[in-house]
Amino acid sequence: LAPRHCWPAQREDVVVAFAWLKTQAARLRIDPTRFVFLGRSAGGQIATAVAYGLRDPAIVGVVSLYAPQDMPFAWSVSSERDALNSAKLMRQYLGGPPDTEARRLTYDSASGQRMVGADTPPTLLLHGEPDTLVWVRHSERLAARLAESGVPHAFVRLPWATHGFDFNLHGPGGQLADYALAWFLACVTGGRCSGV
């Protein structure tokens, strides 16, 4: 956890876990050719940055809920006066502001949006408009970049949902997230869908 372990330690942990799952696929009875990365909030940032950066054909999809997607952009709108003291969090997570070439590269490597290309896996984004912890513009900007690159994706924008809207699995946010996730997984792992 940051600040003891700054990025890219999180990416390295995911890469090791992913490699282990692939080598243990037969024992675990999982398909080593069909993985979907999923994360919420900071976990969504990790999921997109790692999956987009790996460019591994075994990653068939990415799901990101209310996550920051472009860390230089996040820095540009961060403040010590917001609900999370986001400027402090960004310094702790990424080792400081993006004011050196090395740190700019670190920020870019933590930004899924900056790695989008034709081989980016299909992506499902879910975000609430009034989210005060992670601005919905992150998902809007990533969805626009995916569209520009021709990457299959879906963006579920909820006009009433706040950060963590899916926490209550039986509430409206949890039900919508479950439905969207089940639809997306059927699409990317079984080819049973349209619209992505």
N, C-alpha and C. Protein backbone atom coordinates (compact mmCIF):
# COMPACT_ATOMS: atom_id res chain seq x y z
N LEU A 1 0.84 -1.19 0.00
CA LEU A 1 0.00 0.00 0.00
C LEU A 1 0.88 1.25 0.00
N ALA A 2 0.42 2.26 -0.69
CA ALA A 2 1.13 3.53 -0.72
C ALA A 2 0.93 4.23 0.63
N PRO A 3 1.88 5.03 1.08
CA PRO A 3 3.10 5.44 0.37
C PRO A 3 4.28 4.48 0.53
N ARG A 4 4.13 3.43 1.33
CA ARG A 4 5.26 2.50 1.48
C ARG A 4 5.62 1.86 0.15
N HIS A 5 4.63 1.56 -0.65
CA HIS A 5 4.85 0.95 -1.97
C HIS A 5 4.17 1.81 -3.02
N CYS A 6 4.94 2.59 -3.74
CA CYS A 6 4.41 3.46 -4.80
C CYS A 6 4.26 2.67 -6.09
N TRP A 7 3.46 3.22 -7.00
CA TRP A 7 3.37 2.67 -8.34
C TRP A 7 4.78 2.66 -8.94
N PRO A 8 5.22 1.57 -9.56
CA PRO A 8 4.47 0.46 -10.16
C PRO A 8 4.37 -0.81 -9.33
N ALA A 9 4.56 -0.74 -8.01
CA ALA A 9 4.46 -1.94 -7.18
C ALA A 9 3.12 -2.64 -7.36
N GLN A 10 2.05 -1.87 -7.49
CA GLN A 10 0.72 -2.46 -7.65
C GLN A 10 0.63 -3.22 -8.98
N ARG A 11 1.17 -2.63 -10.03
CA ARG A 11 1.19 -3.31 -11.33
C ARG A 11 1.99 -4.60 -11.24
N GLU A 12 3.13 -4.54 -10.59
CA GLU A 12 3.98 -5.74 -10.47
C GLU A 12 3.26 -6.86 -9.72
N ASP A 13 2.51 -6.52 -8.67
CA ASP A 13 1.73 -7.53 -7.94
C ASP A 13 0.70 -8.20 -8.85
N VAL A 14 0.00 -7.39 -9.64
CA VAL A 14 -1.02 -7.94 -10.54
C VAL A 14 -0.37 -8.81 -11.61
N VAL A 15 0.74 -8.39 -12.16
CA VAL A 15 1.42 -9.17 -13.19
C VAL A 15 1.85 -10.53 -12.64
N VAL A 16 2.38 -10.55 -11.43
CA VAL A 16 2.79 -11.82 -10.81
C VAL A 16 1.57 -12.72 -10.57
N ALA A 17 0.48 -12.14 -10.06
CA ALA A 17 -0.73 -12.93 -9.81
C ALA A 17 -1.31 -13.48 -11.11
N PHE A 18 -1.31 -12.66 -12.14
CA PHE A 18 -1.82 -13.07 -13.45
C PHE A 18 -0.98 -14.22 -14.01
N ALA A 19 0.33 -14.11 -13.94
CA ALA A 19 1.22 -15.17 -14.43
C ALA A 19 0.98 -16.46 -13.64
N TRP A 20 0.81 -16.35 -12.32
CA TRP A 20 0.56 -17.52 -11.50
C TRP A 20 -0.75 -18.20 -11.90
N LEU A 21 -1.81 -17.41 -12.10
CA LEU A 21 -3.09 -17.98 -12.51
C LEU A 21 -2.97 -18.73 -13.83
N LYS A 22 -2.20 -18.19 -14.76
CA LYS A 22 -2.04 -18.86 -16.05
C LYS A 22 -1.29 -20.19 -15.89
N THR A 23 -0.27 -20.21 -15.04
CA THR A 23 0.47 -21.46 -14.87
C THR A 23 -0.31 -22.49 -14.07
N GLN A 24 -1.25 -22.05 -13.25
CA GLN A 24 -2.05 -22.96 -12.42
C GLN A 24 -3.43 -23.22 -13.00
N ALA A 25 -3.64 -22.82 -14.24
CA ALA A 25 -4.98 -22.89 -14.84
C ALA A 25 -5.57 -24.30 -14.81
N ALA A 26 -4.79 -25.31 -15.16
CA ALA A 26 -5.32 -26.68 -15.18
C ALA A 26 -5.75 -27.11 -13.78
N ARG A 27 -4.91 -26.86 -12.79
CA ARG A 27 -5.23 -27.25 -11.42
C ARG A 27 -6.44 -26.49 -10.89
N LEU A 28 -6.57 -25.22 -11.26
CA LEU A 28 -7.68 -24.40 -10.79
C LEU A 28 -8.94 -24.55 -11.65
N ARG A 29 -8.80 -25.27 -12.76
CA ARG A 29 -9.90 -25.48 -13.70
C ARG A 29 -10.44 -24.16 -14.24
N ILE A 30 -9.51 -23.31 -14.69
CA ILE A 30 -9.89 -22.05 -15.32
C ILE A 30 -9.30 -22.02 -16.73
N ASP A 31 -9.89 -21.24 -17.58
CA ASP A 31 -9.44 -21.11 -18.96
C ASP A 31 -8.31 -20.08 -19.02
N PRO A 32 -7.08 -20.49 -19.36
CA PRO A 32 -5.96 -19.55 -19.38
C PRO A 32 -5.98 -18.60 -20.57
N THR A 33 -7.01 -18.71 -21.40
CA THR A 33 -7.09 -17.82 -22.57
C THR A 33 -8.21 -16.79 -22.43
N ARG A 34 -8.91 -16.77 -21.27
CA ARG A 34 -10.03 -15.84 -21.12
C ARG A 34 -10.05 -15.25 -19.72
N PHE A 35 -9.34 -14.15 -19.56
CA PHE A 35 -9.31 -13.43 -18.29
C PHE A 35 -9.99 -12.08 -18.46
N VAL A 36 -10.67 -11.64 -17.41
CA VAL A 36 -11.24 -10.30 -17.35
C VAL A 36 -10.70 -9.63 -16.09
N PHE A 37 -10.12 -8.46 -16.25
CA PHE A 37 -9.64 -7.68 -15.11
C PHE A 37 -10.77 -6.77 -14.65
N LEU A 38 -10.97 -6.70 -13.33
CA LEU A 38 -12.05 -5.88 -12.78
C LEU A 38 -11.53 -5.14 -11.56
N GLY A 39 -11.91 -3.88 -11.43
CA GLY A 39 -11.55 -3.13 -10.24
C GLY A 39 -12.49 -1.98 -9.99
N ARG A 40 -12.55 -1.56 -8.73
CA ARG A 40 -13.39 -0.43 -8.31
C ARG A 40 -12.47 0.67 -7.81
N SER A 41 -12.76 1.90 -8.19
CA SER A 41 -12.03 3.07 -7.73
C SER A 41 -10.54 2.90 -8.06
N ALA A 42 -9.66 2.94 -7.05
CA ALA A 42 -8.23 2.76 -7.33
C ALA A 42 -7.97 1.40 -7.97
N GLY A 43 -8.76 0.40 -7.62
CA GLY A 43 -8.61 -0.91 -8.25
C GLY A 43 -8.97 -0.88 -9.72
N GLY A 44 -9.91 -0.02 -10.10
CA GLY A 44 -10.25 0.15 -11.51
C GLY A 44 -9.11 0.79 -12.28
N GLN A 45 -8.43 1.74 -11.63
CA GLN A 45 -7.25 2.36 -12.25
C GLN A 45 -6.18 1.30 -12.48
N ILE A 46 -5.96 0.45 -11.49
CA ILE A 46 -4.96 -0.61 -11.62
C ILE A 46 -5.37 -1.58 -12.73
N ALA A 47 -6.64 -1.97 -12.75
CA ALA A 47 -7.12 -2.94 -13.75
C ALA A 47 -6.90 -2.43 -15.17
N THR A 48 -7.29 -1.19 -15.45
CA THR A 48 -7.12 -0.69 -16.82
C THR A 48 -5.66 -0.48 -17.16
N ALA A 49 -4.89 0.10 -16.25
CA ALA A 49 -3.48 0.37 -16.55
C ALA A 49 -2.72 -0.93 -16.80
N VAL A 50 -2.96 -1.94 -15.99
CA VAL A 50 -2.24 -3.21 -16.16
C VAL A 50 -2.72 -3.95 -17.40
N ALA A 51 -4.03 -4.09 -17.55
CA ALA A 51 -4.56 -4.84 -18.70
C ALA A 51 -4.19 -4.17 -20.02
N TYR A 52 -4.33 -2.86 -20.10
CA TYR A 52 -4.00 -2.16 -21.34
C TYR A 52 -2.50 -2.20 -21.61
N GLY A 53 -1.71 -2.12 -20.55
CA GLY A 53 -0.26 -2.13 -20.73
C GLY A 53 0.30 -3.49 -21.10
N LEU A 54 -0.30 -4.56 -20.59
CA LEU A 54 0.22 -5.91 -20.88
C LEU A 54 0.01 -6.32 -22.34
N ARG A 55 -1.11 -5.91 -22.91
CA ARG A 55 -1.43 -6.29 -24.29
C ARG A 55 -1.36 -7.82 -24.49
N ASP A 56 -1.88 -8.54 -23.51
CA ASP A 56 -1.88 -10.00 -23.54
C ASP A 56 -3.22 -10.47 -24.12
N PRO A 57 -3.20 -11.27 -25.19
CA PRO A 57 -4.46 -11.70 -25.79
C PRO A 57 -5.33 -12.55 -24.86
N ALA A 58 -4.77 -13.04 -23.77
CA ALA A 58 -5.57 -13.80 -22.81
C ALA A 58 -6.49 -12.88 -22.01
N ILE A 59 -6.23 -11.57 -22.02
CA ILE A 59 -7.11 -10.62 -21.34
C ILE A 59 -8.19 -10.22 -22.34
N VAL A 60 -9.38 -10.76 -22.14
CA VAL A 60 -10.46 -10.55 -23.11
C VAL A 60 -11.40 -9.42 -22.72
N GLY A 61 -11.21 -8.84 -21.53
CA GLY A 61 -12.07 -7.75 -21.11
C GLY A 61 -11.54 -7.06 -19.87
N VAL A 62 -12.03 -5.84 -19.68
CA VAL A 62 -11.68 -5.05 -18.50
C VAL A 62 -12.95 -4.37 -18.01
N VAL A 63 -13.15 -4.39 -16.68
CA VAL A 63 -14.28 -3.71 -16.06
C VAL A 63 -13.72 -2.72 -15.04
N SER A 64 -14.13 -1.48 -15.17
CA SER A 64 -13.64 -0.44 -14.27
C SER A 64 -14.82 0.38 -13.75
N LEU A 65 -14.99 0.39 -12.44
CA LEU A 65 -16.06 1.14 -11.81
C LEU A 65 -15.48 2.39 -11.14
N TYR A 66 -16.01 3.54 -11.50
CA TYR A 66 -15.70 4.84 -10.89
C TYR A 66 -14.23 5.02 -10.56
N ALA A 67 -13.39 4.89 -11.58
CA ALA A 67 -11.94 4.92 -11.38
C ALA A 67 -11.27 6.09 -12.11
N PRO A 68 -10.16 6.58 -11.57
CA PRO A 68 -9.36 7.55 -12.31
C PRO A 68 -8.61 6.82 -13.43
N GLN A 69 -8.58 7.39 -14.62
CA GLN A 69 -8.01 6.69 -15.77
C GLN A 69 -6.81 7.40 -16.38
N ASP A 70 -6.62 8.66 -16.06
CA ASP A 70 -5.52 9.45 -16.64
C ASP A 70 -4.88 10.21 -15.49
N MET A 71 -3.75 9.71 -15.01
CA MET A 71 -3.17 10.26 -13.80
C MET A 71 -2.62 11.68 -13.97
N PRO A 72 -2.04 12.06 -15.12
CA PRO A 72 -1.68 13.47 -15.28
C PRO A 72 -2.91 14.38 -15.21
N PHE A 73 -4.02 13.95 -15.81
CA PHE A 73 -5.27 14.71 -15.71
C PHE A 73 -5.73 14.76 -14.26
N ALA A 74 -5.65 13.62 -13.56
CA ALA A 74 -6.06 13.58 -12.15
C ALA A 74 -5.22 14.57 -11.33
N TRP A 75 -3.92 14.62 -11.61
CA TRP A 75 -3.07 15.57 -10.89
C TRP A 75 -3.51 17.01 -11.18
N SER A 76 -3.86 17.27 -12.43
CA SER A 76 -4.21 18.64 -12.82
C SER A 76 -5.47 19.15 -12.13
N VAL A 77 -6.33 18.25 -11.68
CA VAL A 77 -7.56 18.66 -11.02
C VAL A 77 -7.55 18.31 -9.52
N SER A 78 -6.41 17.83 -9.01
CA SER A 78 -6.35 17.44 -7.60
C SER A 78 -6.21 18.68 -6.72
N SER A 79 -6.60 18.50 -5.47
CA SER A 79 -6.55 19.61 -4.52
C SER A 79 -6.35 19.07 -3.12
N GLU A 80 -5.70 19.84 -2.30
CA GLU A 80 -5.57 19.46 -0.90
C GLU A 80 -6.84 19.78 -0.13
N ARG A 81 -7.77 20.51 -0.75
CA ARG A 81 -9.00 20.92 -0.07
C ARG A 81 -10.20 20.03 -0.44
N ASP A 82 -10.02 19.05 -1.33
CA ASP A 82 -11.18 18.21 -1.67
C ASP A 82 -11.37 17.12 -0.62
N ALA A 83 -12.41 16.33 -0.80
CA ALA A 83 -12.82 15.35 0.22
C ALA A 83 -11.72 14.35 0.57
N LEU A 84 -10.85 14.03 -0.37
CA LEU A 84 -9.81 13.03 -0.13
C LEU A 84 -8.42 13.61 0.05
N ASN A 85 -8.28 14.93 -0.04
CA ASN A 85 -6.96 15.53 -0.14
C ASN A 85 -6.20 14.81 -1.27
N SER A 86 -6.78 14.88 -2.45
CA SER A 86 -6.28 14.10 -3.58
C SER A 86 -4.85 14.43 -3.98
N ALA A 87 -4.42 15.67 -3.77
CA ALA A 87 -3.04 16.01 -4.10
C ALA A 87 -2.08 15.19 -3.23
N LYS A 88 -2.39 15.06 -1.95
CA LYS A 88 -1.55 14.24 -1.06
C LYS A 88 -1.59 12.78 -1.48
N LEU A 89 -2.78 12.26 -1.78
CA LEU A 89 -2.89 10.86 -2.21
C LEU A 89 -2.08 10.59 -3.47
N MET A 90 -2.13 11.50 -4.42
CA MET A 90 -1.39 11.31 -5.67
C MET A 90 0.11 11.33 -5.41
N ARG A 91 0.57 12.24 -4.54
CA ARG A 91 2.00 12.27 -4.21
C ARG A 91 2.42 10.97 -3.55
N GLN A 92 1.58 10.44 -2.65
CA GLN A 92 1.91 9.19 -1.97
C GLN A 92 1.91 8.00 -2.93
N TYR A 93 0.94 7.97 -3.83
CA TYR A 93 0.78 6.83 -4.73
C TYR A 93 1.80 6.82 -5.87
N LEU A 94 2.10 8.01 -6.40
CA LEU A 94 2.96 8.08 -7.58
C LEU A 94 4.33 8.71 -7.29
N GLY A 95 4.63 8.94 -6.02
CA GLY A 95 5.96 9.39 -5.65
C GLY A 95 6.19 10.88 -5.73
N GLY A 96 5.16 11.65 -6.02
CA GLY A 96 5.30 13.09 -6.12
C GLY A 96 4.55 13.61 -7.33
N PRO A 97 4.63 14.91 -7.58
CA PRO A 97 3.96 15.48 -8.76
C PRO A 97 4.70 15.09 -10.04
N PRO A 98 4.04 15.18 -11.18
CA PRO A 98 4.69 14.81 -12.46
C PRO A 98 5.59 15.95 -12.96
N ASP A 99 6.59 16.30 -12.16
CA ASP A 99 7.44 17.45 -12.49
C ASP A 99 8.83 17.08 -12.99
N THR A 100 9.08 15.78 -13.17
CA THR A 100 10.34 15.32 -13.78
C THR A 100 9.98 14.35 -14.89
N GLU A 101 10.91 14.13 -15.79
CA GLU A 101 10.66 13.19 -16.90
C GLU A 101 10.36 11.79 -16.37
N ALA A 102 11.13 11.34 -15.38
CA ALA A 102 10.91 10.01 -14.81
C ALA A 102 9.52 9.90 -14.20
N ARG A 103 9.09 10.93 -13.47
CA ARG A 103 7.78 10.87 -12.83
C ARG A 103 6.67 10.99 -13.86
N ARG A 104 6.88 11.75 -14.92
CA ARG A 104 5.86 11.82 -15.99
C ARG A 104 5.67 10.44 -16.61
N LEU A 105 6.75 9.70 -16.78
CA LEU A 105 6.64 8.33 -17.31
C LEU A 105 5.89 7.43 -16.32
N THR A 106 6.13 7.62 -15.03
CA THR A 106 5.40 6.85 -14.02
C THR A 106 3.91 7.15 -14.10
N TYR A 107 3.57 8.43 -14.18
CA TYR A 107 2.16 8.82 -14.30
C TYR A 107 1.53 8.21 -15.55
N ASP A 108 2.25 8.26 -16.67
CA ASP A 108 1.71 7.68 -17.91
C ASP A 108 1.51 6.17 -17.78
N SER A 109 2.46 5.49 -17.12
CA SER A 109 2.35 4.02 -16.99
C SER A 109 1.20 3.61 -16.07
N ALA A 110 0.70 4.56 -15.26
CA ALA A 110 -0.43 4.29 -14.37
C ALA A 110 -1.75 4.73 -14.99
N SER A 111 -1.72 5.13 -16.26
CA SER A 111 -2.89 5.73 -16.92
C SER A 111 -3.37 4.87 -18.07
N GLY A 112 -4.41 4.09 -17.81
CA GLY A 112 -4.96 3.26 -18.88
C GLY A 112 -5.32 4.07 -20.11
N GLN A 113 -5.87 5.25 -19.92
CA GLN A 113 -6.30 6.07 -21.05
C GLN A 113 -5.16 6.37 -22.00
N ARG A 114 -3.96 6.49 -21.49
CA ARG A 114 -2.81 6.83 -22.32
C ARG A 114 -2.22 5.62 -23.04
N MET A 115 -2.77 4.43 -22.79
CA MET A 115 -2.27 3.21 -23.44
C MET A 115 -3.28 2.60 -24.41
N VAL A 116 -4.38 3.27 -24.64
CA VAL A 116 -5.42 2.72 -25.52
C VAL A 116 -4.87 2.60 -26.94
N GLY A 117 -5.13 1.45 -27.54
CA GLY A 117 -4.76 1.21 -28.93
C GLY A 117 -5.73 0.22 -29.54
N ALA A 118 -5.49 -0.14 -30.77
CA ALA A 118 -6.40 -1.05 -31.48
C ALA A 118 -6.50 -2.40 -30.78
N ASP A 119 -5.46 -2.80 -30.04
CA ASP A 119 -5.46 -4.11 -29.38
C ASP A 119 -5.93 -4.05 -27.92
N THR A 120 -6.46 -2.92 -27.50
CA THR A 120 -6.99 -2.79 -26.14
C THR A 120 -8.22 -3.69 -25.99
N PRO A 121 -8.31 -4.43 -24.88
CA PRO A 121 -9.46 -5.33 -24.72
C PRO A 121 -10.78 -4.57 -24.56
N PRO A 122 -11.88 -5.19 -24.93
CA PRO A 122 -13.19 -4.59 -24.69
C PRO A 122 -13.31 -4.17 -23.22
N THR A 123 -14.00 -3.06 -23.01
CA THR A 123 -14.02 -2.46 -21.67
C THR A 123 -15.44 -2.04 -21.28
N LEU A 124 -15.77 -2.30 -20.03
CA LEU A 124 -17.02 -1.84 -19.43
C LEU A 124 -16.67 -0.81 -18.36
N LEU A 125 -17.25 0.38 -18.49
CA LEU A 125 -17.06 1.45 -17.51
C LEU A 125 -18.39 1.75 -16.84
N LEU A 126 -18.38 1.88 -15.53
CA LEU A 126 -19.57 2.29 -14.77
C LEU A 126 -19.17 3.44 -13.87
N HIS A 127 -19.96 4.51 -13.90
CA HIS A 127 -19.60 5.69 -13.10
C HIS A 127 -20.86 6.51 -12.82
N GLY A 128 -20.93 7.06 -11.64
CA GLY A 128 -22.03 7.96 -11.29
C GLY A 128 -21.67 9.40 -11.56
N GLU A 129 -22.61 10.17 -12.09
CA GLU A 129 -22.36 11.58 -12.40
C GLU A 129 -22.00 12.41 -11.18
N PRO A 130 -22.71 12.26 -10.04
CA PRO A 130 -22.38 13.13 -8.91
C PRO A 130 -21.26 12.59 -8.02
N ASP A 131 -20.44 11.67 -8.51
CA ASP A 131 -19.33 11.12 -7.74
C ASP A 131 -18.40 12.26 -7.33
N THR A 132 -18.23 12.46 -6.03
CA THR A 132 -17.38 13.55 -5.54
C THR A 132 -15.97 13.08 -5.22
N LEU A 133 -15.71 11.79 -5.29
CA LEU A 133 -14.36 11.28 -5.00
C LEU A 133 -13.55 11.08 -6.26
N VAL A 134 -14.17 10.57 -7.32
CA VAL A 134 -13.52 10.44 -8.63
C VAL A 134 -14.47 11.04 -9.65
N TRP A 135 -14.04 12.08 -10.29
CA TRP A 135 -14.86 12.83 -11.25
C TRP A 135 -15.26 11.94 -12.42
N VAL A 136 -16.53 12.00 -12.81
CA VAL A 136 -17.05 11.19 -13.91
C VAL A 136 -16.31 11.48 -15.22
N ARG A 137 -15.67 12.64 -15.32
CA ARG A 137 -14.90 12.98 -16.53
C ARG A 137 -13.84 11.93 -16.83
N HIS A 138 -13.35 11.23 -15.83
CA HIS A 138 -12.36 10.17 -16.09
C HIS A 138 -12.94 9.10 -17.01
N SER A 139 -14.13 8.62 -16.67
CA SER A 139 -14.76 7.59 -17.50
C SER A 139 -15.22 8.15 -18.84
N GLU A 140 -15.70 9.39 -18.85
CA GLU A 140 -16.10 10.02 -20.11
C GLU A 140 -14.90 10.11 -21.07
N ARG A 141 -13.78 10.55 -20.55
CA ARG A 141 -12.59 10.74 -21.39
C ARG A 141 -12.06 9.40 -21.89
N LEU A 142 -12.07 8.37 -21.02
CA LEU A 142 -11.62 7.05 -21.46
C LEU A 142 -12.58 6.48 -22.50
N ALA A 143 -13.87 6.62 -22.29
CA ALA A 143 -14.85 6.13 -23.27
C ALA A 143 -14.63 6.80 -24.62
N ALA A 144 -14.37 8.10 -24.62
CA ALA A 144 -14.12 8.82 -25.88
C ALA A 144 -12.86 8.30 -26.56
N ARG A 145 -11.83 8.04 -25.77
CA ARG A 145 -10.56 7.52 -26.34
C ARG A 145 -10.76 6.11 -26.90
N LEU A 146 -11.53 5.28 -26.21
CA LEU A 146 -11.82 3.93 -26.71
C LEU A 146 -12.59 4.01 -28.02
N ALA A 147 -13.56 4.93 -28.09
CA ALA A 147 -14.34 5.10 -29.32
C ALA A 147 -13.44 5.55 -30.47
N GLU A 148 -12.56 6.50 -30.22
CA GLU A 148 -11.64 6.98 -31.26
C GLU A 148 -10.77 5.86 -31.80
N SER A 149 -10.41 4.91 -30.95
CA SER A 149 -9.53 3.81 -31.35
C SER A 149 -10.29 2.59 -31.85
N GLY A 150 -11.63 2.67 -31.87
CA GLY A 150 -12.43 1.56 -32.36
C GLY A 150 -12.45 0.37 -31.41
N VAL A 151 -12.25 0.61 -30.12
CA VAL A 151 -12.25 -0.48 -29.14
C VAL A 151 -13.68 -0.71 -28.65
N PRO A 152 -14.17 -1.95 -28.72
CA PRO A 152 -15.51 -2.23 -28.20
C PRO A 152 -15.59 -1.87 -26.71
N HIS A 153 -16.62 -1.14 -26.35
CA HIS A 153 -16.76 -0.73 -24.95
C HIS A 153 -18.20 -0.33 -24.67
N ALA A 154 -18.51 -0.27 -23.39
CA ALA A 154 -19.81 0.24 -22.93
C ALA A 154 -19.54 1.14 -21.74
N PHE A 155 -20.24 2.26 -21.70
CA PHE A 155 -20.12 3.20 -20.59
C PHE A 155 -21.49 3.37 -19.96
N VAL A 156 -21.65 2.86 -18.75
CA VAL A 156 -22.90 2.99 -18.01
C VAL A 156 -22.73 4.19 -17.08
N ARG A 157 -23.41 5.27 -17.44
CA ARG A 157 -23.34 6.53 -16.69
C ARG A 157 -24.63 6.68 -15.91
N LEU A 158 -24.52 6.74 -14.58
CA LEU A 158 -25.69 6.79 -13.73
C LEU A 158 -25.86 8.20 -13.18
N PRO A 159 -26.96 8.89 -13.54
CA PRO A 159 -27.12 10.30 -13.17
C PRO A 159 -27.34 10.54 -11.68
N TRP A 160 -27.61 9.50 -10.91
CA TRP A 160 -27.92 9.66 -9.49
C TRP A 160 -26.90 8.98 -8.58
N ALA A 161 -25.94 8.28 -9.15
CA ALA A 161 -25.07 7.40 -8.34
C ALA A 161 -23.82 8.11 -7.84
N THR A 162 -23.46 7.82 -6.61
CA THR A 162 -22.24 8.35 -6.02
C THR A 162 -21.16 7.27 -6.02
N HIS A 163 -20.01 7.61 -5.51
CA HIS A 163 -18.89 6.67 -5.43
C HIS A 163 -19.29 5.45 -4.60
N GLY A 164 -18.99 4.26 -5.09
CA GLY A 164 -19.35 3.05 -4.38
C GLY A 164 -20.81 2.68 -4.50
N PHE A 165 -21.47 3.15 -5.56
CA PHE A 165 -22.92 2.93 -5.71
C PHE A 165 -23.32 1.47 -5.71
N ASP A 166 -22.40 0.56 -5.99
CA ASP A 166 -22.71 -0.86 -6.08
C ASP A 166 -22.53 -1.59 -4.74
N PHE A 167 -22.16 -0.86 -3.68
CA PHE A 167 -21.87 -1.50 -2.40
C PHE A 167 -23.05 -2.31 -1.88
N ASN A 168 -24.26 -1.74 -1.96
CA ASN A 168 -25.46 -2.48 -1.57
C ASN A 168 -25.90 -3.31 -2.78
N LEU A 169 -25.59 -4.59 -2.75
CA LEU A 169 -25.86 -5.46 -3.89
C LEU A 169 -27.34 -5.55 -4.24
N HIS A 170 -28.22 -5.30 -3.27
CA HIS A 170 -29.65 -5.41 -3.50
C HIS A 170 -30.30 -4.07 -3.84
N GLY A 171 -29.53 -3.00 -3.74
CA GLY A 171 -30.04 -1.68 -4.09
C GLY A 171 -29.97 -1.46 -5.60
N PRO A 172 -30.47 -0.33 -6.07
CA PRO A 172 -30.49 -0.07 -7.52
C PRO A 172 -29.10 -0.10 -8.15
N GLY A 173 -28.10 0.50 -7.47
CA GLY A 173 -26.74 0.52 -8.02
C GLY A 173 -26.15 -0.87 -8.12
N GLY A 174 -26.34 -1.67 -7.07
CA GLY A 174 -25.83 -3.04 -7.08
C GLY A 174 -26.49 -3.89 -8.15
N GLN A 175 -27.80 -3.73 -8.30
CA GLN A 175 -28.52 -4.50 -9.32
C GLN A 175 -28.09 -4.12 -10.73
N LEU A 176 -27.95 -2.81 -10.97
CA LEU A 176 -27.51 -2.37 -12.30
C LEU A 176 -26.09 -2.84 -12.60
N ALA A 177 -25.20 -2.75 -11.60
CA ALA A 177 -23.82 -3.21 -11.79
C ALA A 177 -23.79 -4.71 -12.07
N ASP A 178 -24.57 -5.49 -11.32
CA ASP A 178 -24.64 -6.94 -11.55
C ASP A 178 -25.13 -7.27 -12.96
N TYR A 179 -26.17 -6.59 -13.38
CA TYR A 179 -26.73 -6.83 -14.71
C TYR A 179 -25.71 -6.49 -15.80
N ALA A 180 -25.08 -5.31 -15.68
CA ALA A 180 -24.10 -4.89 -16.68
C ALA A 180 -22.91 -5.84 -16.70
N LEU A 181 -22.46 -6.26 -15.53
CA LEU A 181 -21.33 -7.17 -15.46
C LEU A 181 -21.65 -8.53 -16.07
N ALA A 182 -22.82 -9.09 -15.76
CA ALA A 182 -23.21 -10.38 -16.33
C ALA A 182 -23.30 -10.28 -17.85
N TRP A 183 -23.88 -9.21 -18.36
CA TRP A 183 -23.99 -9.01 -19.81
C TRP A 183 -22.60 -8.92 -20.44
N PHE A 184 -21.72 -8.12 -19.82
CA PHE A 184 -20.38 -7.92 -20.38
C PHE A 184 -19.57 -9.22 -20.36
N LEU A 185 -19.63 -9.96 -19.26
CA LEU A 185 -18.89 -11.21 -19.18
C LEU A 185 -19.38 -12.21 -20.22
N ALA A 186 -20.69 -12.27 -20.44
CA ALA A 186 -21.21 -13.15 -21.48
C ALA A 186 -20.68 -12.73 -22.85
N CYS A 187 -20.58 -11.43 -23.05
CA CYS A 187 -20.05 -10.92 -24.33
C CYS A 187 -18.62 -11.34 -24.57
N VAL A 188 -17.76 -11.02 -23.61
CA VAL A 188 -16.33 -11.17 -23.86
C VAL A 188 -15.80 -12.58 -23.63
N THR A 189 -16.50 -13.38 -22.84
CA THR A 189 -16.00 -14.74 -22.60
C THR A 189 -16.74 -15.79 -23.41
N GLY A 190 -17.95 -15.46 -23.87
CA GLY A 190 -18.72 -16.44 -24.61
C GLY A 190 -19.23 -15.98 -25.95
N GLY A 191 -18.98 -14.72 -26.28
CA GLY A 191 -19.41 -14.20 -27.58
C GLY A 191 -20.91 -14.11 -27.73
N ARG A 192 -21.65 -14.05 -26.60
CA ARG A 192 -23.11 -14.01 -26.67
C ARG A 192 -23.61 -12.60 -26.37
N CYS A 193 -23.42 -11.71 -27.31
CA CYS A 193 -23.89 -10.35 -27.06
C CYS A 193 -23.94 -9.55 -28.34
N SER A 194 -24.48 -8.38 -28.19
CA SER A 194 -24.43 -7.39 -29.25
C SER A 194 -24.27 -6.04 -28.60
N GLY A 195 -23.73 -5.11 -29.29
CA GLY A 195 -23.65 -3.75 -28.79
C GLY A 195 -22.34 -3.36 -28.16
N VAL A 196 -21.43 -4.29 -27.88
CA VAL A 196 -20.12 -3.91 -27.35
C VAL A 196 -19.15 -3.80 -28.50
